[in-house]
C-alpha atoms as a PDB file:
ATOM      1  CA  UNK A   1    -186.204  96.315 -84.323  1.00  0.00           C
ATOM      2  CA  UNK A   2    -184.278  94.215 -86.653  1.00  0.00           C
ATOM      3  CA  UNK A   3    -181.156  92.476 -85.290  1.00  0.00           C
ATOM      4  CA  UNK A   4    -177.692  94.447 -86.038  1.00  0.00           C
ATOM      5  CA  UNK A   5    -179.746  97.793 -86.194  1.00  0.00           C
ATOM      6  CA  UNK A   6    -178.284 100.616 -84.268  1.00  0.00           C
ATOM      7  CA  UNK A   7    -181.026 102.097 -81.899  1.00  0.00           C
ATOM      8  CA  UNK A   8    -182.371 105.413 -82.627  1.00  0.00           C
ATOM      9  CA  UNK A   9    -182.706 108.173 -79.882  1.00  0.00           C
ATOM     10  CA  UNK A  10    -185.779 107.457 -78.175  1.00  0.00           C
ATOM     11  CA  UNK A  11    -187.696 110.299 -76.838  1.00  0.00           C
ATOM     12  CA  UNK A  12    -190.021 112.111 -78.943  1.00  0.00           C
ATOM     13  CA  UNK A  13    -192.471 114.950 -78.057  1.00  0.00           C
ATOM     14  CA  UNK A  14    -195.707 114.733 -79.573  1.00  0.00           C
ATOM     15  CA  UNK A  15    -197.721 118.053 -79.581  1.00  0.00           C
ATOM     16  CA  UNK A  16    -201.320 118.111 -80.817  1.00  0.00           C
ATOM     17  CA  UNK A  17    -204.653 119.226 -79.246  1.00  0.00           C
ATOM     18  CA  UNK A  18    -206.375 116.198 -80.767  1.00  0.00           C
ATOM     19  CA  UNK A  19    -206.171 113.479 -77.849  1.00  0.00           C
ATOM     20  CA  UNK A  20    -206.851 110.513 -80.094  1.00  0.00           C
ATOM     21  CA  UNK A  21    -204.110 111.645 -82.795  1.00  0.00           C
ATOM     22  CA  UNK A  22    -201.623 111.960 -79.941  1.00  0.00           C
ATOM     23  CA  UNK A  23    -202.509 108.553 -78.796  1.00  0.00           C
ATOM     24  CA  UNK A  24    -202.291 106.923 -82.331  1.00  0.00           C
ATOM     25  CA  UNK A  25    -198.686 108.332 -83.026  1.00  0.00           C
ATOM     26  CA  UNK A  26    -197.608 107.071 -79.423  1.00  0.00           C
ATOM     27  CA  UNK A  27    -198.770 103.606 -80.304  1.00  0.00           C
ATOM     28  CA  UNK A  28    -196.906 103.666 -83.440  1.00  0.00           C
ATOM     29  CA  UNK A  29    -193.907 105.322 -81.842  1.00  0.00           C
ATOM     30  CA  UNK A  30    -193.786 102.584 -79.114  1.00  0.00           C
ATOM     31  CA  UNK A  31    -194.105 100.144 -81.785  1.00  0.00           C
ATOM     32  CA  UNK A  32    -190.709 101.136 -83.081  1.00  0.00           C
ATOM     33  CA  UNK A  33    -189.217 101.115 -79.740  1.00  0.00           C
ATOM     34  CA  UNK A  34    -189.234 104.886 -79.379  1.00  0.00           C
ATOM     35  CA  UNK A  35    -190.330 106.599 -76.258  1.00  0.00           C
ATOM     36  CA  UNK A  36    -192.973 109.533 -76.483  1.00  0.00           C
ATOM     37  CA  UNK A  37    -194.174 112.158 -74.484  1.00  0.00           C
ATOM     38  CA  UNK A  38    -197.368 114.181 -75.376  1.00  0.00           C
ATOM     39  CA  UNK A  39    -198.347 117.622 -74.902  1.00  0.00           C
ATOM     40  CA  UNK A  40    -202.060 119.264 -75.806  1.00  0.00           C
ATOM     41  CA  UNK A  41    -200.527 122.816 -76.176  1.00  0.00           C
ATOM     42  CA  UNK A  42    -197.808 124.469 -77.671  1.00  0.00           C
ATOM     43  CA  UNK A  43    -197.120 126.088 -73.982  1.00  0.00           C
ATOM     44  CA  UNK A  44    -197.118 122.997 -72.574  1.00  0.00           C
ATOM     45  CA  UNK A  45    -194.521 121.685 -75.229  1.00  0.00           C
ATOM     46  CA  UNK A  46    -191.984 124.497 -74.415  1.00  0.00           C
ATOM     47  CA  UNK A  47    -192.387 123.920 -70.834  1.00  0.00           C
ATOM     48  CA  UNK A  48    -191.551 120.114 -71.224  1.00  0.00           C
ATOM     49  CA  UNK A  49    -188.703 121.074 -73.260  1.00  0.00           C
ATOM     50  CA  UNK A  50    -187.129 123.148 -70.689  1.00  0.00           C
ATOM     51  CA  UNK A  51    -187.526 120.196 -68.145  1.00  0.00           C
ATOM     52  CA  UNK A  52    -186.541 117.439 -70.401  1.00  0.00           C
ATOM     53  CA  UNK A  53    -184.242 116.482 -73.297  1.00  0.00           C
ATOM     54  CA  UNK A  54    -186.061 115.325 -76.307  1.00  0.00           C
ATOM     55  CA  UNK A  55    -184.700 114.179 -79.586  1.00  0.00           C
ATOM     56  CA  UNK A  56    -187.658 115.093 -82.142  1.00  0.00           C
ATOM     57  CA  UNK A  57    -190.672 117.201 -81.795  1.00  0.00           C
ATOM     58  CA  UNK A  58    -193.925 116.179 -83.954  1.00  0.00           C
ATOM     59  CA  UNK A  59    -195.908 119.466 -84.030  1.00  0.00           C
ATOM     60  CA  UNK A  60    -199.342 120.170 -85.005  1.00  0.00           C
ATOM     61  CA  UNK A  61    -199.893 123.765 -86.705  1.00  0.00           C
ATOM     62  CA  UNK A  62    -203.576 124.449 -85.915  1.00  0.00           C
ATOM     63  CA  UNK A  63    -203.766 124.508 -82.041  1.00  0.00           C
ATOM     64  CA  UNK A  64    -205.485 127.176 -79.701  1.00  0.00           C
ATOM     65  CA  UNK A  65    -203.630 130.113 -78.080  1.00  0.00           C
ATOM     66  CA  UNK A  66    -199.895 129.628 -79.537  1.00  0.00           C
ATOM     67  CA  UNK A  67    -199.913 127.941 -82.772  1.00  0.00           C
ATOM     68  CA  UNK A  68    -197.296 125.582 -84.427  1.00  0.00           C
ATOM     69  CA  UNK A  69    -195.793 128.216 -86.303  1.00  0.00           C
ATOM     70  CA  UNK A  70    -195.215 130.325 -83.264  1.00  0.00           C
ATOM     71  CA  UNK A  71    -194.154 127.298 -81.405  1.00  0.00           C
ATOM     72  CA  UNK A  72    -191.596 126.204 -84.038  1.00  0.00           C
ATOM     73  CA  UNK A  73    -189.984 129.546 -84.124  1.00  0.00           C
ATOM     74  CA  UNK A  74    -189.704 129.550 -80.240  1.00  0.00           C
ATOM     75  CA  UNK A  75    -188.096 126.201 -80.227  1.00  0.00           C
ATOM     76  CA  UNK A  76    -185.643 127.038 -83.065  1.00  0.00           C
ATOM     77  CA  UNK A  77    -184.404 129.928 -80.748  1.00  0.00           C
ATOM     78  CA  UNK A  78    -182.710 127.548 -78.475  1.00  0.00           C
ATOM     79  CA  UNK A  79    -182.833 124.006 -79.724  1.00  0.00           C
ATOM     80  CA  UNK A  80    -181.608 121.989 -82.834  1.00  0.00           C
ATOM     81  CA  UNK A  81    -183.618 118.800 -82.499  1.00  0.00           C
ATOM     82  CA  UNK A  82    -185.784 117.852 -85.725  1.00  0.00           C
ATOM     83  CA  UNK A  83    -189.260 119.087 -85.891  1.00  0.00           C
ATOM     84  CA  UNK A  84    -191.816 117.389 -87.999  1.00  0.00           C
ATOM     85  CA  UNK A  85    -195.082 119.507 -88.519  1.00  0.00           C
ATOM     86  CA  UNK A  86    -198.527 118.129 -89.159  1.00  0.00           C
ATOM     87  CA  UNK A  87    -201.373 119.897 -90.412  1.00  0.00           C
ATOM     88  CA  UNK A  88    -204.624 119.848 -92.181  1.00  0.00           C
ATOM     89  CA  UNK A  89    -203.354 122.530 -94.338  1.00  0.00           C
ATOM     90  CA  UNK A  90    -202.010 121.221 -97.600  1.00  0.00           C
ATOM     91  CA  UNK A  91    -201.386 124.313 -99.875  1.00  0.00           C
ATOM     92  CA  UNK A  92    -198.005 124.868-101.103  1.00  0.00           C
ATOM     93  CA  UNK A  93    -197.808 128.125 -99.264  1.00  0.00           C
ATOM     94  CA  UNK A  94    -198.856 126.489 -95.775  1.00  0.00           C
ATOM     95  CA  UNK A  95    -195.858 124.201 -96.427  1.00  0.00           C
ATOM     96  CA  UNK A  96    -193.479 126.791 -97.156  1.00  0.00           C
ATOM     97  CA  UNK A  97    -194.460 128.624 -94.202  1.00  0.00           C
ATOM     98  CA  UNK A  98    -193.944 125.639 -92.007  1.00  0.00           C
ATOM     99  CA  UNK A  99    -190.742 124.795 -93.458  1.00  0.00           C
ATOM    100  CA  UNK A 100    -189.358 128.591 -93.306  1.00  0.00           C
ATOM    101  CA  UNK A 101    -190.246 128.891 -89.531  1.00  0.00           C
ATOM    102  CA  UNK A 102    -187.797 126.119 -88.795  1.00  0.00           C
ATOM    103  CA  UNK A 103    -189.533 122.661 -89.374  1.00  0.00           C
ATOM    104  CA  UNK A 104    -187.398 119.881 -90.946  1.00  0.00           C
ATOM    105  CA  UNK A 105    -190.458 118.024 -92.746  1.00  0.00           C
ATOM    106  CA  UNK A 106    -194.141 118.546 -93.365  1.00  0.00           C
ATOM    107  CA  UNK A 107    -196.699 116.009 -93.186  1.00  0.00           C
ATOM    108  CA  UNK A 108    -200.453 116.731 -94.201  1.00  0.00           C
ATOM    109  CA  UNK A 109    -203.473 115.440 -92.186  1.00  0.00           C
ATOM    110  CA  UNK A 110    -204.896 112.700 -92.885  1.00  0.00           C
ATOM    111  CA  UNK A 111    -201.589 110.872 -92.773  1.00  0.00           C
ATOM    112  CA  UNK A 112    -200.639 107.230 -92.695  1.00  0.00           C
ATOM    113  CA  UNK A 113    -199.298 106.180 -89.421  1.00  0.00           C
ATOM    114  CA  UNK A 114    -196.436 104.293 -91.110  1.00  0.00           C
ATOM    115  CA  UNK A 115    -195.378 106.959 -93.308  1.00  0.00           C
ATOM    116  CA  UNK A 116    -195.089 109.434 -90.432  1.00  0.00           C
ATOM    117  CA  UNK A 117    -193.034 106.622 -88.681  1.00  0.00           C
ATOM    118  CA  UNK A 118    -190.602 106.571 -91.923  1.00  0.00           C
ATOM    119  CA  UNK A 119    -190.095 110.151 -91.746  1.00  0.00           C
ATOM    120  CA  UNK A 120    -189.509 110.319 -87.927  1.00  0.00           C
ATOM    121  CA  UNK A 121    -186.736 107.388 -88.151  1.00  0.00           C
ATOM    122  CA  UNK A 122    -185.161 109.155 -91.222  1.00  0.00           C
ATOM    123  CA  UNK A 123    -184.968 112.636 -89.186  1.00  0.00           C
ATOM    124  CA  UNK A 124    -183.566 110.734 -86.084  1.00  0.00           C
ATOM    125  CA  UNK A 125    -180.765 109.180 -88.224  1.00  0.00           C
ATOM    126  CA  UNK A 126    -179.990 112.258 -89.640  1.00  0.00           C
ATOM    127  CA  UNK A 127    -179.742 113.989 -86.594  1.00  0.00           C
ATOM    128  CA  UNK A 128    -177.684 111.187 -84.893  1.00  0.00           C
ATOM    129  CA  UNK A 129    -175.142 111.411 -87.567  1.00  0.00           C
ATOM    130  CA  UNK A 130    -175.066 115.236 -87.350  1.00  0.00           C
ATOM    131  CA  UNK A 131    -174.522 115.165 -83.527  1.00  0.00           C
ATOM    132  CA  UNK A 132    -171.733 112.293 -84.134  1.00  0.00           C
ATOM    133  CA  UNK A 133    -169.913 114.555 -86.612  1.00  0.00           C
ATOM    134  CA  UNK A 134    -170.310 117.592 -84.330  1.00  0.00           C
ATOM    135  CA  UNK A 135    -168.398 115.435 -81.366  1.00  0.00           C
ATOM    136  CA  UNK A 136    -165.328 114.898 -83.716  1.00  0.00           C
ATOM    137  CA  UNK A 137    -162.096 116.512 -82.213  1.00  0.00           C
ATOM    138  CA  UNK A 138    -161.387 118.489 -85.725  1.00  0.00           C
ATOM    139  CA  UNK A 139    -161.949 122.216 -85.269  1.00  0.00           C
ATOM    140  CA  UNK A 140    -162.428 122.607 -89.136  1.00  0.00           C
ATOM    141  CA  UNK A 141    -166.000 122.999 -90.225  1.00  0.00           C
ATOM    142  CA  UNK A 142    -166.129 122.554 -94.389  1.00  0.00           C
ATOM    143  CA  UNK A 143    -169.204 124.017 -96.326  1.00  0.00           C
ATOM    144  CA  UNK A 144    -169.024 123.565-100.032  1.00  0.00           C
ATOM    145  CA  UNK A 145    -165.817 125.611-100.607  1.00  0.00           C
ATOM    146  CA  UNK A 146    -166.042 127.452 -97.300  1.00  0.00           C
ATOM    147  CA  UNK A 147    -163.700 126.308 -94.702  1.00  0.00           C
ATOM    148  CA  UNK A 148    -163.858 127.606 -91.062  1.00  0.00           C
ATOM    149  CA  UNK A 149    -161.071 126.801 -88.373  1.00  0.00           C
ATOM    150  CA  UNK A 150    -162.504 127.524 -85.148  1.00  0.00           C
ATOM    151  CA  UNK A 151    -159.073 126.658 -83.511  1.00  0.00           C
ATOM    152  CA  UNK A 152    -157.011 129.593 -85.579  1.00  0.00           C
ATOM    153  CA  UNK A 153    -160.110 131.622 -86.257  1.00  0.00           C
ATOM    154  CA  UNK A 154    -159.219 131.496 -90.072  1.00  0.00           C
ATOM    155  CA  UNK A 155    -161.747 131.430 -92.991  1.00  0.00           C
ATOM    156  CA  UNK A 156    -160.975 130.275 -96.523  1.00  0.00           C
ATOM    157  CA  UNK A 157    -163.519 130.757 -99.201  1.00  0.00           C
ATOM    158  CA  UNK A 158    -162.950 128.821-102.505  1.00  0.00           C
ATOM    159  CA  UNK A 159    -159.269 128.732-101.393  1.00  0.00           C
ATOM    160  CA  UNK A 160    -158.639 132.311-100.521  1.00  0.00           C
ATOM    161  CA  UNK A 161    -158.351 133.557 -96.964  1.00  0.00           C
ATOM    162  CA  UNK A 162    -160.765 135.672 -95.922  1.00  0.00           C
ATOM    163  CA  UNK A 163    -160.202 138.206 -93.038  1.00  0.00           C
ATOM    164  CA  UNK A 164    -163.221 138.638 -90.666  1.00  0.00           C
ATOM    165  CA  UNK A 165    -163.337 140.766 -87.759  1.00  0.00           C
ATOM    166  CA  UNK A 166    -163.857 138.764 -84.310  1.00  0.00           C
ATOM    167  CA  UNK A 167    -167.411 139.441 -84.150  1.00  0.00           C
ATOM    168  CA  UNK A 168    -168.210 138.687 -87.788  1.00  0.00           C
ATOM    169  CA  UNK A 169    -166.237 135.371 -87.142  1.00  0.00           C
ATOM    170  CA  UNK A 170    -168.297 134.495 -84.138  1.00  0.00           C
ATOM    171  CA  UNK A 171    -171.190 134.581 -86.035  1.00  0.00           C
ATOM    172  CA  UNK A 172    -170.367 132.735 -89.050  1.00  0.00           C
ATOM    173  CA  UNK A 173    -168.951 129.888 -86.885  1.00  0.00           C
ATOM    174  CA  UNK A 174    -172.278 130.005 -84.717  1.00  0.00           C
ATOM    175  CA  UNK A 175    -174.260 129.609 -87.876  1.00  0.00           C
ATOM    176  CA  UNK A 176    -172.075 126.990 -89.399  1.00  0.00           C
ATOM    177  CA  UNK A 177    -172.074 124.987 -85.920  1.00  0.00           C
ATOM    178  CA  UNK A 178    -175.948 124.983 -86.249  1.00  0.00           C
ATOM    179  CA  UNK A 179    -175.897 124.154 -90.005  1.00  0.00           C
ATOM    180  CA  UNK A 180    -179.587 123.748 -91.001  1.00  0.00           C
ATOM    181  CA  UNK A 181    -181.146 125.585 -88.222  1.00  0.00           C
ATOM    182  CA  UNK A 182    -182.704 128.836 -88.473  1.00  0.00           C
ATOM    183  CA  UNK A 183    -181.403 131.248 -85.712  1.00  0.00           C
ATOM    184  CA  UNK A 184    -183.247 134.202 -84.654  1.00  0.00           C
ATOM    185  CA  UNK A 185    -181.499 137.672 -84.829  1.00  0.00           C
ATOM    186  CA  UNK A 186    -182.111 137.677 -80.950  1.00  0.00           C
ATOM    187  CA  UNK A 187    -180.421 134.359 -80.650  1.00  0.00           C
ATOM    188  CA  UNK A 188    -177.457 135.264 -82.809  1.00  0.00           C
ATOM    189  CA  UNK A 189    -176.771 138.633 -80.937  1.00  0.00           C
ATOM    190  CA  UNK A 190    -177.177 137.230 -77.406  1.00  0.00           C
ATOM    191  CA  UNK A 191    -174.854 134.260 -78.330  1.00  0.00           C
ATOM    192  CA  UNK A 192    -172.006 136.384 -79.815  1.00  0.00           C
ATOM    193  CA  UNK A 193    -172.323 139.764 -77.813  1.00  0.00           C
ATOM    194  CA  UNK A 194    -173.469 138.126 -74.593  1.00  0.00           C
ATOM    195  CA  UNK A 195    -175.949 140.966 -73.668  1.00  0.00           C
ATOM    196  CA  UNK A 196    -179.908 141.568 -74.103  1.00  0.00           C
ATOM    197  CA  UNK A 197    -180.981 141.902 -77.522  1.00  0.00           C
ATOM    198  CA  UNK A 198    -183.040 145.277 -78.232  1.00  0.00           C
ATOM    199  CA  UNK A 199    -185.742 144.771 -80.931  1.00  0.00           C
ATOM    200  CA  UNK A 200    -184.754 147.746 -82.975  1.00  0.00           C
ATOM    201  CA  UNK A 201    -181.043 146.817 -83.011  1.00  0.00           C
ATOM    202  CA  UNK A 202    -179.679 146.408 -86.592  1.00  0.00           C
ATOM    203  CA  UNK A 203    -176.296 145.145 -85.399  1.00  0.00           C
ATOM    204  CA  UNK A 204    -176.630 141.694 -86.734  1.00  0.00           C
ATOM    205  CA  UNK A 205    -177.988 142.645 -89.900  1.00  0.00           C
ATOM    206  CA  UNK A 206    -175.207 144.758 -90.796  1.00  0.00           C
ATOM    207  CA  UNK A 207    -172.656 142.138 -89.482  1.00  0.00           C
ATOM    208  CA  UNK A 208    -174.311 139.446 -91.972  1.00  0.00           C
ATOM    209  CA  UNK A 209    -173.902 142.032 -94.753  1.00  0.00           C
ATOM    210  CA  UNK A 210    -170.404 142.512 -94.192  1.00  0.00           C
ATOM    211  CA  UNK A 211    -169.756 138.579 -93.946  1.00  0.00           C
ATOM    212  CA  UNK A 212    -171.643 138.058 -97.431  1.00  0.00           C
ATOM    213  CA  UNK A 213    -169.408 140.727 -98.920  1.00  0.00           C
ATOM    214  CA  UNK A 214    -166.374 138.699 -97.736  1.00  0.00           C
ATOM    215  CA  UNK A 215    -167.313 135.165 -98.390  1.00  0.00           C
ATOM    216  CA  UNK A 216    -170.098 135.043-101.124  1.00  0.00           C
ATOM    217  CA  UNK A 217    -169.470 135.434-104.882  1.00  0.00           C
ATOM    218  CA  UNK A 218    -172.523 137.558-105.071  1.00  0.00           C
ATOM    219  CA  UNK A 219    -173.579 138.886-101.910  1.00  0.00           C
ATOM    220  CA  UNK A 220    -177.159 139.575-103.334  1.00  0.00           C
ATOM    221  CA  UNK A 221    -177.651 136.068-103.885  1.00  0.00           C
ATOM    222  CA  UNK A 222    -175.869 134.361-101.174  1.00  0.00           C
ATOM    223  CA  UNK A 223    -175.301 130.539-101.054  1.00  0.00           C
ATOM    224  CA  UNK A 224    -173.874 130.366 -97.503  1.00  0.00           C
ATOM    225  CA  UNK A 225    -175.973 132.650 -95.374  1.00  0.00           C
ATOM    226  CA  UNK A 226    -179.843 132.322 -96.013  1.00  0.00           C
ATOM    227  CA  UNK A 227    -182.251 134.932 -94.940  1.00  0.00           C
ATOM    228  CA  UNK A 228    -185.513 133.392 -93.505  1.00  0.00           C
ATOM    229  CA  UNK A 229    -187.793 136.368 -93.508  1.00  0.00           C
ATOM    230  CA  UNK A 230    -189.326 137.056 -90.431  1.00  0.00           C
ATOM    231  CA  UNK A 231    -187.475 134.486 -88.556  1.00  0.00           C
ATOM    232  CA  UNK A 232    -183.540 134.709 -88.823  1.00  0.00           C
ATOM    233  CA  UNK A 233    -180.584 133.506 -90.706  1.00  0.00           C
ATOM    234  CA  UNK A 234    -178.865 129.960 -91.565  1.00  0.00           C
ATOM    235  CA  UNK A 235    -176.438 128.336 -93.299  1.00  0.00           C
END
């Protein structure tokens, strides 16, 4: 590591059913001073995430039992760390599906290890900066003309005060605090209502619609709260 450079978070989970690929990625991560742990299946990876703290996940898509898309969605229900998908699938729709499931980046196989390392370091720097900002004492979250004060529970949209119900505010602030992360309907409901979610419940969708009507210029073409079909919502 170059002199004077700030050390990056150093615990990466590498998930791939190909042992040689896991070994190759591990070697390059170690050369960058980044610790890694390997997992052969998505189920093993999810178990490791429950036991240990990781800063980034490198996740293969084509795996037996649970694939990378399903695993990514499961991880995103609980965690906010960067996820880089790696896959032999290179079609645009495959990339779109991977990113829509919650991945931060998508690398196609065969890949150059140095390119993957560059992407890993970029995501780690971004994640570190984001977490540093979130540790700030300021209670105000600003998002392109939208200002959310979590202390006073006030919302301003383009300089105009918006009056939200308590649950609407809780949903908006939850999404804002997790900016860039796709949150499932289940996760939103259980975080805000503090009770178990029922699959047929449309409560979250109704509240999102009402929030959009209050903060968006055009609720049918929202710029703040985005719908990720089949996954959930994000800001």
